[in-house]
Amino acid sequence: MAGGAPPGLTRLAPARLALAVAAGLALAALPFLRYAHFGAGAHADHEPHHGGQLGMVGEHHVELVQRDGRFEVYVSDAWRRPLRPARGRLAPDRGAPLELSWSGGRLVAPAALGGRKVEVAIELDDGTTLAIGFDLE
């Protein structure tokens, strides 16, 4: 037994050793795969769909669009599926807050606000409040 492998253990061929190492690395990586994005999964799409500014609040996307004399606010989940919030409001850095009303798949308000920033507050049906600020310039 001098100079040999202990009883019951044999020397792995190079190909089998490489396979064993690869399998070990794959198993070690499994806990981290939950953070990977494969295709169009949750949080994979961070492009504005309506030509506005897009922000995230927790697991939700909020897009603010300023056009045709009004503000439009689109709310979607982590997979960018549209949501219909219970209510919403716009609060400019100058001027009185405006209530948002539901119209055609989005929340809308007149864009006659003064200021350079606006805070958007959305309440979802489950009571969750989403608040995010946008620069208007």
C-alpha atoms as a PDB file:
ATOM      1  CA  MET A   1       0.000   0.000   0.000  1.00  0.00           C
ATOM      2  CA  ALA A   2       2.996   2.274   0.075  1.00  0.00           C
ATOM      3  CA  GLY A   3       2.621   5.116  -2.437  1.00  0.00           C
ATOM      4  CA  GLY A   4      -0.842   3.971  -3.562  1.00  0.00           C
ATOM      5  CA  ALA A   5      -4.345   5.247  -3.003  1.00  0.00           C
ATOM      6  CA  PRO A   6      -6.090   4.316   0.253  1.00  0.00           C
ATOM      7  CA  PRO A   7      -8.243   1.192   0.040  1.00  0.00           C
ATOM      8  CA  GLY A   8     -11.608   1.822  -1.630  1.00  0.00           C
ATOM      9  CA  LEU A   9     -10.476   4.997  -3.427  1.00  0.00           C
ATOM     10  CA  THR A  10      -9.384   4.988  -7.000  1.00  0.00           C
ATOM     11  CA  ARG A  11      -7.768   7.653  -9.036  1.00  0.00           C
ATOM     12  CA  LEU A  12     -10.218   9.581 -11.278  1.00  0.00           C
ATOM     13  CA  ALA A  13      -9.470   9.801 -14.971  1.00  0.00           C
ATOM     14  CA  PRO A  14      -8.951  13.426 -16.149  1.00  0.00           C
ATOM     15  CA  ALA A  15     -12.293  13.488 -18.017  1.00  0.00           C
ATOM     16  CA  ARG A  16     -14.196  12.227 -14.976  1.00  0.00           C
ATOM     17  CA  LEU A  17     -12.385  14.713 -12.739  1.00  0.00           C
ATOM     18  CA  ALA A  18     -13.345  17.577 -15.067  1.00  0.00           C
ATOM     19  CA  LEU A  19     -16.966  16.376 -15.083  1.00  0.00           C
ATOM     20  CA  ALA A  20     -17.001  16.152 -11.281  1.00  0.00           C
ATOM     21  CA  VAL A  21     -15.627  19.695 -10.939  1.00  0.00           C
ATOM     22  CA  ALA A  22     -18.161  21.057 -13.469  1.00  0.00           C
ATOM     23  CA  ALA A  23     -21.029  19.333 -11.647  1.00  0.00           C
ATOM     24  CA  GLY A  24     -19.818  20.753  -8.332  1.00  0.00           C
ATOM     25  CA  LEU A  25     -19.660  24.275  -9.756  1.00  0.00           C
ATOM     26  CA  ALA A  26     -23.145  23.937 -11.251  1.00  0.00           C
ATOM     27  CA  LEU A  27     -24.583  22.778  -7.944  1.00  0.00           C
ATOM     28  CA  ALA A  28     -22.828  25.613  -6.111  1.00  0.00           C
ATOM     29  CA  ALA A  29     -24.387  28.148  -8.523  1.00  0.00           C
ATOM     30  CA  LEU A  30     -27.994  26.964  -8.044  1.00  0.00           C
ATOM     31  CA  PRO A  31     -28.830  29.331  -5.151  1.00  0.00           C
ATOM     32  CA  PHE A  32     -27.770  32.309  -7.279  1.00  0.00           C
ATOM     33  CA  LEU A  33     -29.947  31.424 -10.296  1.00  0.00           C
ATOM     34  CA  ARG A  34     -32.942  33.036  -8.602  1.00  0.00           C
ATOM     35  CA  TYR A  35     -31.323  36.401  -9.382  1.00  0.00           C
ATOM     36  CA  ALA A  36     -30.767  35.623 -13.067  1.00  0.00           C
ATOM     37  CA  HIS A  37     -32.970  37.102 -15.801  1.00  0.00           C
ATOM     38  CA  PHE A  38     -33.732  34.754 -18.658  1.00  0.00           C
ATOM     39  CA  GLY A  39     -35.740  36.438 -21.382  1.00  0.00           C
ATOM     40  CA  ALA A  40     -38.662  38.681 -20.518  1.00  0.00           C
ATOM     41  CA  GLY A  41     -39.105  37.774 -16.878  1.00  0.00           C
ATOM     42  CA  ALA A  42     -39.803  40.055 -13.966  1.00  0.00           C
ATOM     43  CA  HIS A  43     -37.748  43.255 -13.990  1.00  0.00           C
ATOM     44  CA  ALA A  44     -36.282  42.439 -17.422  1.00  0.00           C
ATOM     45  CA  ASP A  45     -37.997  45.355 -19.200  1.00  0.00           C
ATOM     46  CA  HIS A  46     -37.080  48.854 -18.029  1.00  0.00           C
ATOM     47  CA  GLU A  47     -37.938  50.760 -21.191  1.00  0.00           C
ATOM     48  CA  PRO A  48     -40.798  53.295 -21.220  1.00  0.00           C
ATOM     49  CA  HIS A  49     -43.701  51.844 -23.222  1.00  0.00           C
ATOM     50  CA  HIS A  50     -45.557  55.152 -23.671  1.00  0.00           C
ATOM     51  CA  GLY A  51     -42.755  57.631 -24.415  1.00  0.00           C
ATOM     52  CA  GLY A  52     -42.398  59.001 -20.901  1.00  0.00           C
ATOM     53  CA  GLN A  53     -40.141  58.615 -17.875  1.00  0.00           C
ATOM     54  CA  LEU A  54     -40.117  55.229 -16.171  1.00  0.00           C
ATOM     55  CA  GLY A  55     -39.376  54.558 -12.531  1.00  0.00           C
ATOM     56  CA  MET A  56     -39.672  51.603 -10.196  1.00  0.00           C
ATOM     57  CA  VAL A  57     -41.274  51.518  -6.787  1.00  0.00           C
ATOM     58  CA  GLY A  58     -40.674  48.140  -5.175  1.00  0.00           C
ATOM     59  CA  GLU A  59     -42.109  45.541  -7.533  1.00  0.00           C
ATOM     60  CA  HIS A  60     -44.017  48.070  -9.663  1.00  0.00           C
ATOM     61  CA  HIS A  61     -43.250  50.279 -12.655  1.00  0.00           C
ATOM     62  CA  VAL A  62     -44.645  53.819 -12.879  1.00  0.00           C
ATOM     63  CA  GLU A  63     -44.387  55.742 -16.152  1.00  0.00           C
ATOM     64  CA  LEU A  64     -45.121  59.473 -16.322  1.00  0.00           C
ATOM     65  CA  VAL A  65     -45.947  60.964 -19.732  1.00  0.00           C
ATOM     66  CA  GLN A  66     -46.500  64.673 -20.365  1.00  0.00           C
ATOM     67  CA  ARG A  67     -48.326  65.342 -23.669  1.00  0.00           C
ATOM     68  CA  ASP A  68     -51.298  67.137 -25.206  1.00  0.00           C
ATOM     69  CA  GLY A  69     -51.704  69.408 -22.170  1.00  0.00           C
ATOM     70  CA  ARG A  70     -52.027  66.586 -19.652  1.00  0.00           C
ATOM     71  CA  PHE A  71     -50.103  64.142 -17.539  1.00  0.00           C
ATOM     72  CA  GLU A  72     -50.622  60.424 -18.064  1.00  0.00           C
ATOM     73  CA  VAL A  73     -49.518  57.876 -15.490  1.00  0.00           C
ATOM     74  CA  TYR A  74     -49.221  54.192 -16.382  1.00  0.00           C
ATOM     75  CA  VAL A  75     -48.760  51.608 -13.635  1.00  0.00           C
ATOM     76  CA  SER A  76     -47.606  48.033 -14.208  1.00  0.00           C
ATOM     77  CA  ASP A  77     -46.276  45.130 -12.176  1.00  0.00           C
ATOM     78  CA  ALA A  78     -42.769  43.639 -12.269  1.00  0.00           C
ATOM     79  CA  TRP A  79     -43.607  41.801 -15.529  1.00  0.00           C
ATOM     80  CA  ARG A  80     -44.981  45.048 -17.074  1.00  0.00           C
ATOM     81  CA  ARG A  81     -48.585  43.847 -16.937  1.00  0.00           C
ATOM     82  CA  PRO A  82     -50.847  46.921 -16.689  1.00  0.00           C
ATOM     83  CA  LEU A  83     -52.578  47.610 -13.379  1.00  0.00           C
ATOM     84  CA  ARG A  84     -55.638  49.707 -12.616  1.00  0.00           C
ATOM     85  CA  PRO A  85     -54.895  51.598  -9.408  1.00  0.00           C
ATOM     86  CA  ALA A  86     -57.651  52.571  -6.975  1.00  0.00           C
ATOM     87  CA  ARG A  87     -56.579  56.251  -7.016  1.00  0.00           C
ATOM     88  CA  GLY A  88     -53.681  58.576  -7.597  1.00  0.00           C
ATOM     89  CA  ARG A  89     -52.467  62.129  -7.211  1.00  0.00           C
ATOM     90  CA  LEU A  90     -49.814  64.453  -8.628  1.00  0.00           C
ATOM     91  CA  ALA A  91     -48.072  66.902  -6.311  1.00  0.00           C
ATOM     92  CA  PRO A  92     -45.875  69.495  -8.040  1.00  0.00           C
ATOM     93  CA  ASP A  93     -43.063  71.252  -6.208  1.00  0.00           C
ATOM     94  CA  ARG A  94     -45.092  74.454  -6.780  1.00  0.00           C
ATOM     95  CA  GLY A  95     -48.872  74.486  -6.802  1.00  0.00           C
ATOM     96  CA  ALA A  96     -51.721  72.442  -5.408  1.00  0.00           C
ATOM     97  CA  PRO A  97     -51.889  68.645  -5.747  1.00  0.00           C
ATOM     98  CA  LEU A  98     -54.127  67.257  -8.490  1.00  0.00           C
ATOM     99  CA  GLU A  99     -56.231  64.123  -8.286  1.00  0.00           C
ATOM    100  CA  LEU A 100     -55.642  61.676 -11.117  1.00  0.00           C
ATOM    101  CA  SER A 101     -58.661  60.147 -12.850  1.00  0.00           C
ATOM    102  CA  TRP A 102     -58.874  56.839 -14.705  1.00  0.00           C
ATOM    103  CA  SER A 103     -59.246  57.144 -18.478  1.00  0.00           C
ATOM    104  CA  GLY A 104     -58.436  54.679 -21.239  1.00  0.00           C
ATOM    105  CA  GLY A 105     -56.017  52.426 -19.344  1.00  0.00           C
ATOM    106  CA  ARG A 106     -54.141  55.168 -17.510  1.00  0.00           C
ATOM    107  CA  LEU A 107     -54.482  57.843 -14.865  1.00  0.00           C
ATOM    108  CA  VAL A 108     -54.705  61.410 -16.214  1.00  0.00           C
ATOM    109  CA  ALA A 109     -54.576  65.007 -14.945  1.00  0.00           C
ATOM    110  CA  PRO A 110     -54.187  68.396 -16.608  1.00  0.00           C
ATOM    111  CA  ALA A 111     -50.553  69.404 -17.108  1.00  0.00           C
ATOM    112  CA  ALA A 112     -51.134  73.005 -16.012  1.00  0.00           C
ATOM    113  CA  LEU A 113     -48.657  72.781 -13.139  1.00  0.00           C
ATOM    114  CA  GLY A 114     -45.879  75.086 -12.166  1.00  0.00           C
ATOM    115  CA  GLY A 115     -42.513  73.769 -11.127  1.00  0.00           C
ATOM    116  CA  ARG A 116     -39.764  71.491 -12.257  1.00  0.00           C
ATOM    117  CA  LYS A 117     -40.568  68.375 -10.252  1.00  0.00           C
ATOM    118  CA  VAL A 118     -43.661  66.351  -9.550  1.00  0.00           C
ATOM    119  CA  GLU A 119     -44.384  63.641  -6.984  1.00  0.00           C
ATOM    120  CA  VAL A 120     -46.736  60.873  -8.091  1.00  0.00           C
ATOM    121  CA  ALA A 121     -48.603  58.899  -5.430  1.00  0.00           C
ATOM    122  CA  ILE A 122     -50.623  55.859  -6.471  1.00  0.00           C
ATOM    123  CA  GLU A 123     -52.783  53.660  -4.270  1.00  0.00           C
ATOM    124  CA  LEU A 124     -53.327  50.102  -5.482  1.00  0.00           C
ATOM    125  CA  ASP A 125     -56.439  48.044  -4.775  1.00  0.00           C
ATOM    126  CA  ASP A 126     -54.637  46.066  -2.060  1.00  0.00           C
ATOM    127  CA  GLY A 127     -53.818  49.291  -0.153  1.00  0.00           C
ATOM    128  CA  THR A 128     -50.185  49.479  -1.305  1.00  0.00           C
ATOM    129  CA  THR A 129     -49.031  53.053  -1.915  1.00  0.00           C
ATOM    130  CA  LEU A 130     -46.475  53.787  -4.622  1.00  0.00           C
ATOM    131  CA  ALA A 131     -44.738  57.180  -4.411  1.00  0.00           C
ATOM    132  CA  ILE A 132     -42.093  58.398  -6.832  1.00  0.00           C
ATOM    133  CA  GLY A 133     -40.730  61.752  -7.961  1.00  0.00           C
ATOM    134  CA  PHE A 134     -40.004  62.843 -11.526  1.00  0.00           C
ATOM    135  CA  ASP A 135     -38.085  65.794 -12.980  1.00  0.00           C
ATOM    136  CA  LEU A 136     -40.142  67.633 -15.577  1.00  0.00           C
ATOM    137  CA  GLU A 137     -37.165  69.181 -17.361  1.00  0.00           C
END
